[in-house]
């Protein structure tokens, strides 16, 4: 099954287009299929730049993922033992 790049609309996309048409084009059109091995270098670069995150966000990602699994019961605790007599 091949991926199809369809035109879509959202409030965030509309806001980005209103702010900067170049940023909108680079983010949603030039970066498309930038993950492919044979993609042109310009497309790969646009895709990589689109995926960049700020350092505090990147550093906090493991904490966020751990807190999510902890809230879903992913945290293990020891079973209570009966006291020895």
Protein backbone atom coordinates (compact mmCIF):
# COMPACT_ATOMS: atom_id res chain seq x y z
CA UNK A 1 0.00 0.00 0.00
CA UNK A 2 1.54 3.30 -1.09
CA UNK A 3 1.28 6.51 0.90
CA UNK A 4 -0.73 9.22 -0.78
CA UNK A 5 -0.14 12.88 -0.05
CA UNK A 6 -3.60 14.40 0.14
CA UNK A 7 -4.54 18.00 0.72
CA UNK A 8 -5.87 18.50 4.24
CA UNK A 9 -6.86 21.45 6.39
CA UNK A 10 -6.62 22.22 10.09
CA UNK A 11 -6.57 25.32 12.25
CA UNK A 12 -2.84 24.90 12.93
CA UNK A 13 -2.04 24.51 9.22
CA UNK A 14 -4.14 27.56 8.41
CA UNK A 15 -2.32 29.57 11.09
CA UNK A 16 1.09 28.52 9.75
CA UNK A 17 0.08 29.43 6.18
CA UNK A 18 -1.14 32.83 7.40
CA UNK A 19 2.13 33.47 9.27
CA UNK A 20 4.61 32.26 6.65
CA UNK A 21 3.80 30.60 3.33
CA UNK A 22 7.43 29.46 2.91
CA UNK A 23 7.43 27.65 6.26
CA UNK A 24 4.12 26.00 5.35
CA UNK A 25 5.52 24.78 2.02
CA UNK A 26 8.74 23.47 3.57
CA UNK A 27 6.91 21.68 6.39
CA UNK A 28 4.04 20.08 4.52
CA UNK A 29 5.17 19.73 0.91
CA UNK A 30 8.93 19.77 0.50
CA UNK A 31 9.47 17.50 3.54
CA UNK A 32 7.02 14.91 2.17
CA UNK A 33 8.83 11.60 1.52
CA UNK A 34 12.07 13.08 2.85
CA UNK A 35 12.42 9.86 4.89
CA UNK A 36 12.94 7.77 1.74
CA UNK A 37 16.41 6.52 0.92
CA UNK A 38 16.39 7.85 -2.65
CA UNK A 39 14.86 11.25 -1.83
CA UNK A 40 16.72 14.31 -3.12
CA UNK A 41 19.04 15.95 -0.56
CA UNK A 42 16.90 19.09 -0.37
CA UNK A 43 13.85 17.00 0.56
CA UNK A 44 15.82 15.00 3.15
CA UNK A 45 17.11 18.21 4.72
CA UNK A 46 13.60 19.70 4.91
CA UNK A 47 12.34 16.49 6.56
CA UNK A 48 15.18 16.47 9.10
CA UNK A 49 14.61 20.13 9.98
CA UNK A 50 10.89 19.47 10.39
CA UNK A 51 11.66 16.74 12.95
CA UNK A 52 14.05 18.83 15.07
CA UNK A 53 13.02 19.53 18.65
CA UNK A 54 14.30 22.02 21.19
CA UNK A 55 16.79 20.62 23.70
CA UNK A 56 14.51 20.90 26.77
CA UNK A 57 11.77 19.00 24.91
CA UNK A 58 14.20 16.32 23.79
CA UNK A 59 15.69 15.97 27.26
CA UNK A 60 12.27 15.67 28.91
CA UNK A 61 10.91 13.03 26.51
CA UNK A 62 12.03 9.98 28.58
CA UNK A 63 10.42 11.46 31.71
CA UNK A 64 7.18 12.12 29.86
CA UNK A 65 7.01 8.62 28.43
CA UNK A 66 7.70 7.08 31.85
CA UNK A 67 5.03 9.14 33.52
CA UNK A 68 2.52 8.06 30.86
CA UNK A 69 3.24 4.36 31.34
CA UNK A 70 3.15 4.80 35.11
CA UNK A 71 -0.33 6.30 34.94
CA UNK A 72 -1.53 3.32 32.86
CA UNK A 73 -0.46 0.76 35.39
CA UNK A 74 2.89 -0.01 33.76
CA UNK A 75 4.65 0.46 37.08
CA UNK A 76 5.41 -2.75 38.95
CA UNK A 77 5.48 -3.12 42.69
CA UNK A 78 6.37 -6.02 44.93
CA UNK A 79 3.56 -8.18 46.20
CA UNK A 80 2.87 -7.84 49.91
CA UNK A 81 4.10 -10.77 51.96
CA UNK A 82 2.48 -12.15 55.07
CA UNK A 83 4.58 -11.48 58.19
CA UNK A 84 6.62 -14.41 59.50
CA UNK A 85 5.62 -15.78 62.89
